N, C-alpha and C. Protein backbone atom coordinates (compact mmCIF):
# COMPACT_ATOMS: atom_id res chain seq x y z
N UNK A 1 56.19 19.61 94.91
CA UNK A 1 57.43 20.26 93.49
C UNK A 1 57.22 19.74 92.33
N UNK A 2 57.67 18.84 92.02
CA UNK A 2 57.32 18.45 90.99
C UNK A 2 56.46 18.50 89.89
N UNK A 3 54.85 18.69 90.70
CA UNK A 3 54.09 18.88 89.77
C UNK A 3 53.98 20.56 89.70
N UNK A 4 54.71 21.51 90.18
CA UNK A 4 54.83 23.11 89.22
C UNK A 4 55.67 22.96 88.61
N UNK A 5 56.74 22.09 88.63
CA UNK A 5 57.95 22.03 87.41
C UNK A 5 57.65 21.31 85.82
N UNK A 6 56.39 20.51 86.42
CA UNK A 6 55.49 19.65 85.06
C UNK A 6 54.59 20.48 84.74
N UNK A 7 53.94 21.08 85.22
CA UNK A 7 52.73 22.69 85.23
C UNK A 7 53.54 23.73 84.00
N UNK A 8 55.21 23.87 84.61
CA UNK A 8 55.44 25.05 84.43
C UNK A 8 55.86 24.49 82.63
N UNK A 9 56.29 23.24 82.67
CA UNK A 9 57.09 22.61 81.25
C UNK A 9 55.74 22.53 80.18
N UNK A 10 54.23 22.18 81.16
CA UNK A 10 53.03 22.32 80.23
C UNK A 10 53.19 23.54 79.32
N UNK A 11 53.09 24.97 80.40
CA UNK A 11 52.64 25.95 80.05
C UNK A 11 53.54 26.78 79.07
N UNK A 12 55.19 26.66 78.89
CA UNK A 12 56.47 26.65 78.05
C UNK A 12 55.91 25.90 76.74
N UNK A 13 55.69 24.99 76.93
CA UNK A 13 55.09 23.68 75.42
C UNK A 13 54.24 25.06 74.65
N UNK A 14 52.89 25.11 75.53
CA UNK A 14 51.73 25.45 75.14
C UNK A 14 52.01 26.80 74.54
N UNK A 15 52.66 28.05 75.19
CA UNK A 15 53.17 29.06 75.17
C UNK A 15 54.22 29.01 73.28
N UNK A 16 55.09 28.30 73.35
CA UNK A 16 55.94 28.31 72.56
C UNK A 16 55.20 27.83 70.91
N UNK A 17 53.78 27.26 71.51
CA UNK A 17 52.85 26.40 70.34
C UNK A 17 51.99 27.69 69.79
N UNK A 18 51.89 28.73 70.32
CA UNK A 18 51.01 29.53 69.70
C UNK A 18 51.96 30.71 69.69
N UNK A 19 52.81 31.00 69.81
CA UNK A 19 53.79 31.77 69.31
C UNK A 19 54.06 31.71 68.18
N UNK A 20 54.66 29.91 67.50
CA UNK A 20 55.14 29.36 66.23
C UNK A 20 53.73 29.51 65.66
N UNK A 21 52.39 29.26 65.50
CA UNK A 21 51.74 29.06 65.17
C UNK A 21 50.89 30.54 64.60
N UNK A 22 51.20 31.53 65.81
CA UNK A 22 50.88 32.96 65.17
C UNK A 22 51.56 33.82 64.57
N UNK A 23 53.16 33.05 63.62
CA UNK A 23 53.45 33.69 63.35
C UNK A 23 54.07 35.32 63.21
N UNK A 24 54.30 35.78 62.03
CA UNK A 24 54.58 37.21 61.86
C UNK A 24 52.90 38.36 62.42
N UNK A 25 51.90 37.11 61.96
CA UNK A 25 51.14 38.18 62.47
C UNK A 25 50.54 38.52 64.47
N UNK A 26 51.61 37.85 64.99
CA UNK A 26 51.69 38.40 66.29
C UNK A 26 52.01 39.63 66.92
N UNK A 27 51.00 40.32 67.77
CA UNK A 27 50.62 41.28 68.68
C UNK A 27 51.38 41.30 69.78
N UNK A 28 53.05 41.40 70.04
CA UNK A 28 53.01 41.33 71.66
C UNK A 28 53.51 43.26 72.34
N UNK A 29 52.80 43.48 71.61
CA UNK A 29 52.76 45.31 72.13
C UNK A 29 51.55 45.85 72.64
N UNK A 30 51.28 45.10 73.63
CA UNK A 30 50.33 45.22 74.72
C UNK A 30 48.89 46.38 74.03
N UNK A 31 48.27 46.53 74.77
CA UNK A 31 47.16 47.16 74.48
C UNK A 31 47.36 48.19 73.48
N UNK A 32 46.34 48.88 72.90
CA UNK A 32 46.41 49.98 71.60
C UNK A 32 45.25 50.46 72.46
N UNK A 33 45.36 51.78 72.66
CA UNK A 33 44.83 53.13 72.69
C UNK A 33 44.12 53.75 71.49
N UNK A 34 43.07 53.97 70.58
CA UNK A 34 43.02 54.77 70.13
C UNK A 34 42.55 53.85 68.45
N UNK A 35 42.61 54.21 67.75
CA UNK A 35 42.94 53.86 65.95
C UNK A 35 44.05 53.01 66.13
N UNK A 36 43.75 52.04 65.55
CA UNK A 36 44.74 50.78 65.38
C UNK A 36 45.96 51.36 63.82
N UNK A 37 47.26 51.49 63.61
CA UNK A 37 48.08 51.90 62.65
C UNK A 37 48.23 50.82 61.54
N UNK A 38 48.16 49.59 62.20
CA UNK A 38 48.19 48.93 60.79
C UNK A 38 47.08 48.38 59.78
N UNK A 39 45.33 48.60 60.35
CA UNK A 39 44.74 48.59 59.57
C UNK A 39 44.32 50.12 58.78
N UNK A 40 44.53 48.78 57.10
CA UNK A 40 44.47 49.86 56.31
C UNK A 40 43.00 50.90 56.00
N UNK A 41 43.63 52.18 55.71
CA UNK A 41 42.13 53.02 55.63
C UNK A 41 40.74 52.70 55.03
N UNK A 42 39.66 53.35 55.55
CA UNK A 42 38.13 51.98 54.65
C UNK A 42 38.12 52.59 53.67
N UNK A 43 37.29 52.04 52.04
CA UNK A 43 37.34 52.42 50.99
C UNK A 43 36.67 53.47 50.74
N UNK A 44 36.58 54.44 49.68
CA UNK A 44 36.17 55.66 49.96
C UNK A 44 34.30 54.82 49.59
N UNK A 45 33.18 55.54 49.50
CA UNK A 45 31.88 55.11 49.02
C UNK A 45 32.01 54.89 47.77
N UNK A 46 31.18 54.17 47.26
CA UNK A 46 30.45 54.25 45.44
C UNK A 46 29.71 55.83 45.30
N UNK A 47 29.47 56.08 46.38
CA UNK A 47 28.30 56.95 45.53
C UNK A 47 28.40 58.18 46.18
N UNK A 48 29.80 58.66 46.41
CA UNK A 48 30.20 59.89 46.40
C UNK A 48 30.16 60.79 45.57
N UNK A 49 30.06 62.38 45.67
CA UNK A 49 29.41 63.47 44.52
C UNK A 49 30.86 63.17 44.15
N UNK A 50 30.49 63.67 42.69
CA UNK A 50 31.30 63.66 41.33
C UNK A 50 32.60 65.39 41.63
N UNK A 51 33.66 65.06 41.22
CA UNK A 51 34.74 66.00 41.36
C UNK A 51 34.35 67.69 40.71
N UNK A 52 34.33 68.46 41.42
CA UNK A 52 33.93 70.20 40.76
C UNK A 52 34.93 70.53 39.81
N UNK A 53 34.05 71.35 38.64
CA UNK A 53 34.84 71.57 37.66
C UNK A 53 35.71 72.42 38.46
N UNK A 54 36.64 72.86 37.41
CA UNK A 54 38.05 72.97 37.76
C UNK A 54 37.34 74.96 37.31
N UNK A 55 37.47 75.42 38.05
CA UNK A 55 37.71 77.37 37.57
C UNK A 55 37.86 78.39 36.50
N UNK A 56 36.98 78.81 35.37
CA UNK A 56 36.94 79.05 34.35
C UNK A 56 38.52 80.20 34.37
N UNK A 57 39.09 80.03 33.07
CA UNK A 57 40.65 80.72 32.80
C UNK A 57 39.34 82.27 32.61
N UNK A 58 39.84 83.35 32.75
CA UNK A 58 39.13 84.76 32.81
C UNK A 58 39.46 85.19 31.20
N UNK A 59 39.08 86.53 30.63
CA UNK A 59 39.01 86.93 29.38
C UNK A 59 39.58 87.67 28.96
N UNK A 60 40.16 87.60 27.88
CA UNK A 60 41.45 88.17 27.44
C UNK A 60 41.19 89.66 27.71
N UNK A 61 41.56 90.80 27.68
CA UNK A 61 40.72 92.44 27.83
C UNK A 61 40.66 92.55 26.46
N UNK A 62 39.61 93.44 26.12
CA UNK A 62 39.25 93.65 25.13
C UNK A 62 40.64 94.75 24.40
N UNK A 63 40.78 95.21 25.61
CA UNK A 63 42.32 96.14 24.32
C UNK A 63 43.43 95.11 23.23
N UNK A 64 44.17 94.48 24.34
CA UNK A 64 44.87 93.34 23.55
C UNK A 64 44.26 92.21 22.29
N UNK A 65 42.88 92.46 22.87
CA UNK A 65 42.03 91.09 21.70
C UNK A 65 42.22 91.78 20.10
N UNK A 66 42.15 93.08 20.18
CA UNK A 66 42.17 94.40 19.42
C UNK A 66 42.89 94.30 18.68
N UNK A 67 44.00 93.97 19.00
CA UNK A 67 45.57 93.87 18.20
C UNK A 67 45.92 93.57 16.74
């Protein structure tokens, strides 16, 4: 019986050591399925295509230009 108590105490000390070392980085949320929301999105590749030029504004009608 005393071996069980000693084993539990050793396990508890080991568990507390791991929790204290992990600090705020320790995730006790269980299994995560799908995308992990804590990671930042990947940076855009450096060889991306340039942005398209803005659309040209239509020319003024000839009647308003003649005034």
